[in-house]
Each structure stands twice: as structure tokens, then as C-alpha cells.
Amino acid sequence: MDNKFDNCPYCGRTVIKGAMRCVACGRILQTPEEQLKMIEKLQTKKKFNWSRLLNYAVMIGILWAFYYYSGRIIKIIKIFFKDVIHI
């Protein structure tokens, strides 16, 4: 299991790994460049994923079609395999 916490180099208290500022002493733990990179990384994660929504909608549509047409699909399968299955 990877360690998610670190110690503040100034006061020695436990802080979350990658924190920008120590909660206990208030000292800045990252350079401004590192802070900007972290902020940009967090902002890019928040973008809405339209392709994932489309994939879910298509899957729901396919499942609904199977549910709605299940009786017809079973009849078709019985017609094609009536010699093999003997129903």
C-alpha cells in the first residue's frame, strides 16, 4: 500500500502528499510552478466526458432493445434451430 501522507519539513506535522500548504504551520510546501501544474491537472480532470455518456446511452439502448424484442428473438432462434434443439 502506497503512503498517502508526508511530513511537513518545517513543523513535522502530517500533511497529505502533494499538498500546497501545511495546515498546521501555514508554510508553502510547493513552488508556484508546481502549484500551477497541480491546478491545471485538477482542472483537466473535471471536464465532462461526452463519449462516455454516449457509450452508456448506446448500451442502455441495446439492452432495452433486447428486453423489448426478447420474445421475437426467442421465436427466431427456435425457428432457426428447431432441428437441433427439438422444442
PDB file of N, CA and C in Angstrom:
ATOM      1  N   MET A   1       0.844  -1.171   0.000  1.00  0.00           N
ATOM      2  CA  MET A   1       0.000   0.000   0.000  1.00  0.00           C
ATOM      3  C   MET A   1       0.896   1.243   0.000  1.00  0.00           C
ATOM      4  N   ASP A   2       0.595   2.171  -0.926  1.00  0.00           N
ATOM      5  CA  ASP A   2       1.426   3.363  -1.010  1.00  0.00           C
ATOM      6  C   ASP A   2       1.020   4.365   0.062  1.00  0.00           C
ATOM      7  N   ASN A   3       1.998   5.102   0.549  1.00  0.00           N
ATOM      8  CA  ASN A   3       1.779   6.060   1.619  1.00  0.00           C
ATOM      9  C   ASN A   3       1.171   7.331   1.038  1.00  0.00           C
ATOM     10  N   LYS A   4       0.026   7.785   1.563  1.00  0.00           N
ATOM     11  CA  LYS A   4      -0.664   8.965   1.065  1.00  0.00           C
ATOM     12  C   LYS A   4      -0.338  10.221   1.867  1.00  0.00           C
ATOM     13  N   PHE A   5       0.500  10.066   2.890  1.00  0.00           N
ATOM     14  CA  PHE A   5       0.822  11.203   3.743  1.00  0.00           C
ATOM     15  C   PHE A   5       2.325  11.453   3.767  1.00  0.00           C
ATOM     16  N   ASP A   6       2.674  12.672   4.102  1.00  0.00           N
ATOM     17  CA  ASP A   6       4.064  13.099   4.197  1.00  0.00           C
ATOM     18  C   ASP A   6       4.179  13.955   5.452  1.00  0.00           C
ATOM     19  N   ASN A   7       5.389  14.298   5.822  1.00  0.00           N
ATOM     20  CA  ASN A   7       5.618  15.192   6.959  1.00  0.00           C
ATOM     21  C   ASN A   7       6.024  16.562   6.454  1.00  0.00           C
ATOM     22  N   CYS A   8       5.520  17.591   7.114  1.00  0.00           N
ATOM     23  CA  CYS A   8       5.893  18.957   6.772  1.00  0.00           C
ATOM     24  C   CYS A   8       7.372  19.150   7.119  1.00  0.00           C
ATOM     25  N   PRO A   9       8.179  19.697   6.205  1.00  0.00           N
ATOM     26  CA  PRO A   9       9.597  19.897   6.503  1.00  0.00           C
ATOM     27  C   PRO A   9       9.842  21.005   7.531  1.00  0.00           C
ATOM     28  N   TYR A  10       8.847  21.849   7.791  1.00  0.00           N
ATOM     29  CA  TYR A  10       9.015  22.964   8.718  1.00  0.00           C
ATOM     30  C   TYR A  10       8.569  22.628  10.140  1.00  0.00           C
ATOM     31  N   CYS A  11       7.379  22.020  10.284  1.00  0.00           N
ATOM     32  CA  CYS A  11       6.862  21.753  11.635  1.00  0.00           C
ATOM     33  C   CYS A  11       6.793  20.258  11.958  1.00  0.00           C
ATOM     34  N   GLY A  12       6.926  19.400  10.971  1.00  0.00           N
ATOM     35  CA  GLY A  12       6.936  17.964  11.209  1.00  0.00           C
ATOM     36  C   GLY A  12       5.565  17.326  11.305  1.00  0.00           C
ATOM     37  N   ARG A  13       4.493  18.093  11.160  1.00  0.00           N
ATOM     38  CA  ARG A  13       3.144  17.533  11.223  1.00  0.00           C
ATOM     39  C   ARG A  13       2.828  16.756   9.940  1.00  0.00           C
ATOM     40  N   THR A  14       1.853  15.877  10.039  1.00  0.00           N
ATOM     41  CA  THR A  14       1.454  15.055   8.894  1.00  0.00           C
ATOM     42  C   THR A  14       0.592  15.879   7.941  1.00  0.00           C
ATOM     43  N   VAL A  15       0.948  15.846   6.657  1.00  0.00           N
ATOM     44  CA  VAL A  15       0.176  16.504   5.605  1.00  0.00           C
ATOM     45  C   VAL A  15      -0.053  15.500   4.476  1.00  0.00           C
ATOM     46  N   ILE A  16      -1.052  15.758   3.660  1.00  0.00           N
ATOM     47  CA  ILE A  16      -1.325  14.901   2.507  1.00  0.00           C
ATOM     48  C   ILE A  16      -0.201  15.081   1.491  1.00  0.00           C
ATOM     49  N   LYS A  17       0.231  13.975   0.900  1.00  0.00           N
ATOM     50  CA  LYS A  17       1.314  14.029  -0.075  1.00  0.00           C
ATOM     51  C   LYS A  17       0.880  14.892  -1.263  1.00  0.00           C
ATOM     52  N   GLY A  18       1.695  15.851  -1.650  1.00  0.00           N
ATOM     53  CA  GLY A  18       1.398  16.757  -2.748  1.00  0.00           C
ATOM     54  C   GLY A  18       0.642  18.007  -2.320  1.00  0.00           C
ATOM     55  N   ALA A  19       0.479  18.213  -1.005  1.00  0.00           N
ATOM     56  CA  ALA A  19      -0.236  19.398  -0.517  1.00  0.00           C
ATOM     57  C   ALA A  19       0.545  20.659  -0.857  1.00  0.00           C
ATOM     58  N   MET A  20      -0.192  21.750  -1.128  1.00  0.00           N
ATOM     59  CA  MET A  20       0.450  23.006  -1.474  1.00  0.00           C
ATOM     60  C   MET A  20       0.873  23.789  -0.240  1.00  0.00           C
ATOM     61  N   ARG A  21       0.137  23.604   0.854  1.00  0.00           N
ATOM     62  CA  ARG A  21       0.401  24.379   2.070  1.00  0.00           C
ATOM     63  C   ARG A  21       0.163  23.480   3.278  1.00  0.00           C
ATOM     64  N   CYS A  22       0.970  23.659   4.303  1.00  0.00           N
ATOM     65  CA  CYS A  22       0.796  22.902   5.553  1.00  0.00           C
ATOM     66  C   CYS A  22      -0.367  23.513   6.326  1.00  0.00           C
ATOM     67  N   VAL A  23      -1.288  22.672   6.763  1.00  0.00           N
ATOM     68  CA  VAL A  23      -2.446  23.148   7.508  1.00  0.00           C
ATOM     69  C   VAL A  23      -2.035  23.634   8.896  1.00  0.00           C
ATOM     70  N   ALA A  24      -1.055  22.975   9.484  1.00  0.00           N
ATOM     71  CA  ALA A  24      -0.662  23.307  10.858  1.00  0.00           C
ATOM     72  C   ALA A  24       0.103  24.625  10.944  1.00  0.00           C
ATOM     73  N   CYS A  25       1.161  24.765  10.154  1.00  0.00           N
ATOM     74  CA  CYS A  25       2.000  25.965  10.282  1.00  0.00           C
ATOM     75  C   CYS A  25       1.738  27.008   9.194  1.00  0.00           C
ATOM     76  N   GLY A  26       1.048  26.634   8.109  1.00  0.00           N
ATOM     77  CA  GLY A  26       0.708  27.588   7.059  1.00  0.00           C
ATOM     78  C   GLY A  26       1.813  27.861   6.066  1.00  0.00           C
ATOM     79  N   ARG A  27       2.923  27.154   6.150  1.00  0.00           N
ATOM     80  CA  ARG A  27       4.042  27.377   5.216  1.00  0.00           C
ATOM     81  C   ARG A  27       3.726  26.749   3.866  1.00  0.00           C
ATOM     82  N   ILE A  28       4.230  27.362   2.808  1.00  0.00           N
ATOM     83  CA  ILE A  28       4.036  26.865   1.454  1.00  0.00           C
ATOM     84  C   ILE A  28       5.000  25.708   1.218  1.00  0.00           C
ATOM     85  N   LEU A  29       4.465  24.610   0.716  1.00  0.00           N
ATOM     86  CA  LEU A  29       5.275  23.409   0.525  1.00  0.00           C
ATOM     87  C   LEU A  29       5.675  23.184  -0.931  1.00  0.00           C
ATOM     88  N   GLN A  30       5.048  23.891  -1.870  1.00  0.00           N
ATOM     89  CA  GLN A  30       5.373  23.723  -3.283  1.00  0.00           C
ATOM     90  C   GLN A  30       5.736  25.068  -3.900  1.00  0.00           C
ATOM     91  N   THR A  31       6.534  24.996  -4.960  1.00  0.00           N
ATOM     92  CA  THR A  31       6.880  26.212  -5.684  1.00  0.00           C
ATOM     93  C   THR A  31       5.665  26.663  -6.494  1.00  0.00           C
ATOM     94  N   PRO A  32       5.617  27.926  -6.913  1.00  0.00           N
ATOM     95  CA  PRO A  32       4.480  28.395  -7.724  1.00  0.00           C
ATOM     96  C   PRO A  32       4.293  27.589  -9.012  1.00  0.00           C
ATOM     97  N   GLU A  33       5.397  27.149  -9.624  1.00  0.00           N
ATOM     98  CA  GLU A  33       5.294  26.354 -10.850  1.00  0.00           C
ATOM     99  C   GLU A  33       4.622  25.015 -10.567  1.00  0.00           C
ATOM    100  N   GLU A  34       5.004  24.382  -9.456  1.00  0.00           N
ATOM    101  CA  GLU A  34       4.391  23.114  -9.075  1.00  0.00           C
ATOM    102  C   GLU A  34       2.911  23.297  -8.751  1.00  0.00           C
ATOM    103  N   GLN A  35       2.578  24.422  -8.126  1.00  0.00           N
ATOM    104  CA  GLN A  35       1.187  24.706  -7.812  1.00  0.00           C
ATOM    105  C   GLN A  35       0.359  24.870  -9.081  1.00  0.00           C
ATOM    106  N   LEU A  36       0.893  25.596 -10.076  1.00  0.00           N
ATOM    107  CA  LEU A  36       0.178  25.786 -11.338  1.00  0.00           C
ATOM    108  C   LEU A  36      -0.028  24.466 -12.068  1.00  0.00           C
ATOM    109  N   LYS A  37       0.998  23.604 -12.066  1.00  0.00           N
ATOM    110  CA  LYS A  37       0.856  22.299 -12.699  1.00  0.00           C
ATOM    111  C   LYS A  37      -0.234  21.480 -12.023  1.00  0.00           C
ATOM    112  N   MET A  38      -0.282  21.518 -10.692  1.00  0.00           N
ATOM    113  CA  MET A  38      -1.282  20.767  -9.944  1.00  0.00           C
ATOM    114  C   MET A  38      -2.682  21.295 -10.242  1.00  0.00           C
ATOM    115  N   ILE A  39      -2.829  22.629 -10.298  1.00  0.00           N
ATOM    116  CA  ILE A  39      -4.135  23.229 -10.585  1.00  0.00           C
ATOM    117  C   ILE A  39      -4.590  22.859 -11.986  1.00  0.00           C
ATOM    118  N   GLU A  40      -3.691  22.932 -12.977  1.00  0.00           N
ATOM    119  CA  GLU A  40      -4.045  22.557 -14.347  1.00  0.00           C
ATOM    120  C   GLU A  40      -4.435  21.085 -14.437  1.00  0.00           C
ATOM    121  N   LYS A  41      -3.727  20.243 -13.712  1.00  0.00           N
ATOM    122  CA  LYS A  41      -4.029  18.806 -13.707  1.00  0.00           C
ATOM    123  C   LYS A  41      -5.421  18.555 -13.127  1.00  0.00           C
ATOM    124  N   LEU A  42      -5.764  19.247 -12.053  1.00  0.00           N
ATOM    125  CA  LEU A  42      -7.077  19.077 -11.442  1.00  0.00           C
ATOM    126  C   LEU A  42      -8.187  19.626 -12.333  1.00  0.00           C
ATOM    127  N   GLN A  43      -7.935  20.724 -13.045  1.00  0.00           N
ATOM    128  CA  GLN A  43      -8.952  21.303 -13.921  1.00  0.00           C
ATOM    129  C   GLN A  43      -9.212  20.428 -15.129  1.00  0.00           C
ATOM    130  N   THR A  44      -8.188  19.762 -15.657  1.00  0.00           N
ATOM    131  CA  THR A  44      -8.404  18.918 -16.828  1.00  0.00           C
ATOM    132  C   THR A  44      -9.187  17.669 -16.463  1.00  0.00           C
ATOM    133  N   LYS A  45      -9.112  17.226 -15.206  1.00  0.00           N
ATOM    134  CA  LYS A  45      -9.870  16.050 -14.793  1.00  0.00           C
ATOM    135  C   LYS A  45     -11.360  16.343 -14.694  1.00  0.00           C
ATOM    136  N   LYS A  46     -11.753  17.592 -14.524  1.00  0.00           N
ATOM    137  CA  LYS A  46     -13.139  17.942 -14.299  1.00  0.00           C
ATOM    138  C   LYS A  46     -13.941  18.101 -15.585  1.00  0.00           C
ATOM    139  N   LYS A  47     -13.335  17.958 -16.751  1.00  0.00           N
ATOM    140  CA  LYS A  47     -14.063  18.098 -17.999  1.00  0.00           C
ATOM    141  C   LYS A  47     -15.070  16.970 -18.139  1.00  0.00           C
ATOM    142  N   PHE A  48     -16.235  17.301 -18.684  1.00  0.00           N
ATOM    143  CA  PHE A  48     -17.286  16.314 -18.867  1.00  0.00           C
ATOM    144  C   PHE A  48     -16.926  15.398 -20.034  1.00  0.00           C
ATOM    145  N   ASN A  49     -17.114  14.117 -19.842  1.00  0.00           N
ATOM    146  CA  ASN A  49     -16.741  13.124 -20.843  1.00  0.00           C
ATOM    147  C   ASN A  49     -17.970  12.744 -21.664  1.00  0.00           C
ATOM    148  N   TRP A  50     -18.141  13.401 -22.820  1.00  0.00           N
ATOM    149  CA  TRP A  50     -19.309  13.150 -23.671  1.00  0.00           C
ATOM    150  C   TRP A  50     -19.269  11.762 -24.290  1.00  0.00           C
ATOM    151  N   SER A  51     -18.091  11.271 -24.615  1.00  0.00           N
ATOM    152  CA  SER A  51     -18.011   9.947 -25.240  1.00  0.00           C
ATOM    153  C   SER A  51     -18.461   8.857 -24.270  1.00  0.00           C
ATOM    154  N   ARG A  52     -18.148   9.004 -22.995  1.00  0.00           N
ATOM    155  CA  ARG A  52     -18.603   8.029 -22.002  1.00  0.00           C
ATOM    156  C   ARG A  52     -20.127   8.055 -21.891  1.00  0.00           C
ATOM    157  N   LEU A  53     -20.721   9.257 -21.898  1.00  0.00           N
ATOM    158  CA  LEU A  53     -22.175   9.374 -21.847  1.00  0.00           C
ATOM    159  C   LEU A  53     -22.808   8.717 -23.070  1.00  0.00           C
ATOM    160  N   LEU A  54     -22.228   8.929 -24.240  1.00  0.00           N
ATOM    161  CA  LEU A  54     -22.741   8.309 -25.460  1.00  0.00           C
ATOM    162  C   LEU A  54     -22.636   6.795 -25.388  1.00  0.00           C
ATOM    163  N   ASN A  55     -21.532   6.280 -24.870  1.00  0.00           N
ATOM    164  CA  ASN A  55     -21.373   4.831 -24.726  1.00  0.00           C
ATOM    165  C   ASN A  55     -22.443   4.254 -23.808  1.00  0.00           C
ATOM    166  N   TYR A  56     -22.709   4.911 -22.680  1.00  0.00           N
ATOM    167  CA  TYR A  56     -23.741   4.432 -21.766  1.00  0.00           C
ATOM    168  C   TYR A  56     -25.114   4.478 -22.424  1.00  0.00           C
ATOM    169  N   ALA A  57     -25.405   5.549 -23.163  1.00  0.00           N
ATOM    170  CA  ALA A  57     -26.704   5.663 -23.829  1.00  0.00           C
ATOM    171  C   ALA A  57     -26.886   4.551 -24.860  1.00  0.00           C
ATOM    172  N   VAL A  58     -25.839   4.249 -25.620  1.00  0.00           N
ATOM    173  CA  VAL A  58     -25.924   3.177 -26.609  1.00  0.00           C
ATOM    174  C   VAL A  58     -26.124   1.833 -25.928  1.00  0.00           C
ATOM    175  N   MET A  59     -25.406   1.590 -24.834  1.00  0.00           N
ATOM    176  CA  MET A  59     -25.572   0.321 -24.118  1.00  0.00           C
ATOM    177  C   MET A  59     -26.981   0.181 -23.550  1.00  0.00           C
ATOM    178  N   ILE A  60     -27.522   1.257 -23.008  1.00  0.00           N
ATOM    179  CA  ILE A  60     -28.888   1.209 -22.493  1.00  0.00           C
ATOM    180  C   ILE A  60     -29.871   0.954 -23.632  1.00  0.00           C
ATOM    181  N   GLY A  61     -29.634   1.576 -24.774  1.00  0.00           N
ATOM    182  CA  GLY A  61     -30.486   1.331 -25.940  1.00  0.00           C
ATOM    183  C   GLY A  61     -30.441  -0.117 -26.396  1.00  0.00           C
ATOM    184  N   ILE A  62     -29.268  -0.693 -26.423  1.00  0.00           N
ATOM    185  CA  ILE A  62     -29.124  -2.096 -26.833  1.00  0.00           C
ATOM    186  C   ILE A  62     -29.818  -3.020 -25.836  1.00  0.00           C
ATOM    187  N   LEU A  63     -29.622  -2.773 -24.548  1.00  0.00           N
ATOM    188  CA  LEU A  63     -30.279  -3.590 -23.522  1.00  0.00           C
ATOM    189  C   LEU A  63     -31.793  -3.455 -23.590  1.00  0.00           C
ATOM    190  N   TRP A  64     -32.284  -2.242 -23.817  1.00  0.00           N
ATOM    191  CA  TRP A  64     -33.718  -2.047 -23.957  1.00  0.00           C
ATOM    192  C   TRP A  64     -34.255  -2.798 -25.169  1.00  0.00           C
ATOM    193  N   ALA A  65     -33.532  -2.755 -26.287  1.00  0.00           N
ATOM    194  CA  ALA A  65     -33.969  -3.462 -27.496  1.00  0.00           C
ATOM    195  C   ALA A  65     -34.023  -4.967 -27.244  1.00  0.00           C
ATOM    196  N   PHE A  66     -33.024  -5.509 -26.567  1.00  0.00           N
ATOM    197  CA  PHE A  66     -33.054  -6.941 -26.250  1.00  0.00           C
ATOM    198  C   PHE A  66     -34.234  -7.272 -25.345  1.00  0.00           C
ATOM    199  N   TYR A  67     -34.502  -6.413 -24.374  1.00  0.00           N
ATOM    200  CA  TYR A  67     -35.622  -6.656 -23.474  1.00  0.00           C
ATOM    201  C   TYR A  67     -36.955  -6.569 -24.230  1.00  0.00           C
ATOM    202  N   TYR A  68     -37.109  -5.532 -25.048  1.00  0.00           N
ATOM    203  CA  TYR A  68     -38.356  -5.296 -25.759  1.00  0.00           C
ATOM    204  C   TYR A  68     -38.629  -6.376 -26.805  1.00  0.00           C
ATOM    205  N   TYR A  69     -37.578  -6.789 -27.518  1.00  0.00           N
ATOM    206  CA  TYR A  69     -37.742  -7.760 -28.595  1.00  0.00           C
ATOM    207  C   TYR A  69     -37.355  -9.176 -28.173  1.00  0.00           C
ATOM    208  N   SER A  70     -37.234  -9.444 -26.886  1.00  0.00           N
ATOM    209  CA  SER A  70     -36.761 -10.760 -26.440  1.00  0.00           C
ATOM    210  C   SER A  70     -37.690 -11.883 -26.887  1.00  0.00           C
ATOM    211  N   GLY A  71     -39.002 -11.681 -26.835  1.00  0.00           N
ATOM    212  CA  GLY A  71     -39.930 -12.715 -27.286  1.00  0.00           C
ATOM    213  C   GLY A  71     -39.756 -13.026 -28.758  1.00  0.00           C
ATOM    214  N   ARG A  72     -39.587 -12.013 -29.572  1.00  0.00           N
ATOM    215  CA  ARG A  72     -39.387 -12.207 -31.017  1.00  0.00           C
ATOM    216  C   ARG A  72     -38.040 -12.870 -31.301  1.00  0.00           C
ATOM    217  N   ILE A  73     -37.025 -12.481 -30.553  1.00  0.00           N
ATOM    218  CA  ILE A  73     -35.690 -13.061 -30.749  1.00  0.00           C
ATOM    219  C   ILE A  73     -35.721 -14.547 -30.406  1.00  0.00           C
ATOM    220  N   ILE A  74     -36.416 -14.901 -29.324  1.00  0.00           N
ATOM    221  CA  ILE A  74     -36.509 -16.321 -28.952  1.00  0.00           C
ATOM    222  C   ILE A  74     -37.246 -17.107 -30.017  1.00  0.00           C
ATOM    223  N   LYS A  75     -38.320 -16.546 -30.599  1.00  0.00           N
ATOM    224  CA  LYS A  75     -39.052 -17.227 -31.675  1.00  0.00           C
ATOM    225  C   LYS A  75     -38.154 -17.442 -32.888  1.00  0.00           C
ATOM    226  N   ILE A  76     -37.362 -16.434 -33.232  1.00  0.00           N
ATOM    227  CA  ILE A  76     -36.455 -16.556 -34.383  1.00  0.00           C
ATOM    228  C   ILE A  76     -35.405 -17.629 -34.123  1.00  0.00           C
ATOM    229  N   ILE A  77     -34.860 -17.652 -32.904  1.00  0.00           N
ATOM    230  CA  ILE A  77     -33.855 -18.667 -32.562  1.00  0.00           C
ATOM    231  C   ILE A  77     -34.470 -20.056 -32.641  1.00  0.00           C
ATOM    232  N   LYS A  78     -35.715 -20.212 -32.166  1.00  0.00           N
ATOM    233  CA  LYS A  78     -36.387 -21.511 -32.236  1.00  0.00           C
ATOM    234  C   LYS A  78     -36.616 -21.939 -33.679  1.00  0.00           C
ATOM    235  N   ILE A  79     -36.955 -20.989 -34.558  1.00  0.00           N
ATOM    236  CA  ILE A  79     -37.179 -21.322 -35.966  1.00  0.00           C
ATOM    237  C   ILE A  79     -35.880 -21.796 -36.610  1.00  0.00           C
ATOM    238  N   PHE A  80     -34.783 -21.093 -36.361  1.00  0.00           N
ATOM    239  CA  PHE A  80     -33.508 -21.456 -36.979  1.00  0.00           C
ATOM    240  C   PHE A  80     -32.945 -22.768 -36.438  1.00  0.00           C
ATOM    241  N   PHE A  81     -33.172 -23.038 -35.154  1.00  0.00           N
ATOM    242  CA  PHE A  81     -32.569 -24.209 -34.535  1.00  0.00           C
ATOM    243  C   PHE A  81     -33.591 -25.281 -34.159  1.00  0.00           C
ATOM    244  N   LYS A  82     -34.754 -25.302 -34.827  1.00  0.00           N
ATOM    245  CA  LYS A  82     -35.785 -26.273 -34.470  1.00  0.00           C
ATOM    246  C   LYS A  82     -35.343 -27.722 -34.721  1.00  0.00           C
ATOM    247  N   ASP A  83     -34.474 -27.940 -35.705  1.00  0.00           N
ATOM    248  CA  ASP A  83     -33.986 -29.292 -35.979  1.00  0.00           C
ATOM    249  C   ASP A  83     -32.925 -29.713 -34.964  1.00  0.00           C
ATOM    250  N   VAL A  84     -32.229 -28.787 -34.389  1.00  0.00           N
ATOM    251  CA  VAL A  84     -31.150 -29.110 -33.452  1.00  0.00           C
ATOM    252  C   VAL A  84     -31.669 -29.220 -32.025  1.00  0.00           C
ATOM    253  N   ILE A  85     -32.558 -28.303 -31.603  1.00  0.00           N
ATOM    254  CA  ILE A  85     -32.971 -28.236 -30.216  1.00  0.00           C
ATOM    255  C   ILE A  85     -34.149 -29.166 -29.910  1.00  0.00           C
ATOM    256  N   HIS A  86     -35.036 -29.429 -30.840  1.00  0.00           N
ATOM    257  CA  HIS A  86     -36.228 -30.277 -30.663  1.00  0.00           C
ATOM    258  C   HIS A  86     -37.149 -29.749 -29.579  1.00  0.00           C
ATOM    259  N   ILE A  87     -37.641 -28.558 -29.771  1.00  0.00           N
ATOM    260  CA  ILE A  87     -38.548 -27.952 -28.776  1.00  0.00           C
ATOM    261  C   ILE A  87     -39.987 -28.203 -29.194  1.00  0.00           C
TER     262      ILE A  87
END
